[in-house]
């Protein structure tokens, strides 16, 4: 589904991603972890085309996407959420999802019909899937942070992705919101048969859902294994999880 081959990215001499390579099979749930500044978000931005690659190659479903712009990568079947919520705060929850569906279906430039009539059933289905069916008429900016993250997940799902990248999907959430969000992500991933790649600081979240974990440190991939093996890895314990954890 995804292959990252010796990818590098520098900013003014600082190497943020340094020769990272890994691959993800269809249907896998994989996590990328690492301390602040390890290069996780930069790597996501490279994979999704939001930053240009300095060196290396990126392949999605066997296609070279190394120099593709984000909108083309999205249309190939890759969805993405961000660390900070990326929604239209003045639109309603329904309108946010509907707008994403319209763009995905190529209807965003159709001025002959009122857009309110387009894809209402599809929009409602997504709202129900992400647990927001009772909030359709709510202005998005007034939602709690947890619900805003659920809305962003819905926007990502509107593009009907095969591979979903989530950048710290539970950041800033309460313990209850975190639990509900992870349950939601796990359920949607299984129901839709998605491949999932996510970054996360909460180790309980990572070890509860990930089938395979990649560990970044100072831009390098230092470990890649099952959660059980990563937990036992002495180097990972030393630089990230903490000695004795």
Foldseek 3Di string as FASTA:
>chain_A
DKWWAQWWDADPRQTQAGGDTDDDDQLAAEEEEEDPSLNPVVVVCQQQQVDATPDTFMADPRHTCRNPHNVVSLLVFEFEADPAQDFDQQQFLLVRLLCLLCVLVVNNPPPPDPSVPPPSVVSLVLCVLLVNNVRRRPRLNPDDRLVSLSSSVSSRCSNVHQEYEYEASCPPHDPVSLVVNLVSVQVVCVVSSHYYYYYHLDVVSCLVRHQKYWYGGSNYTDDIGGPVVCVVDPVCCVRRVDPPD
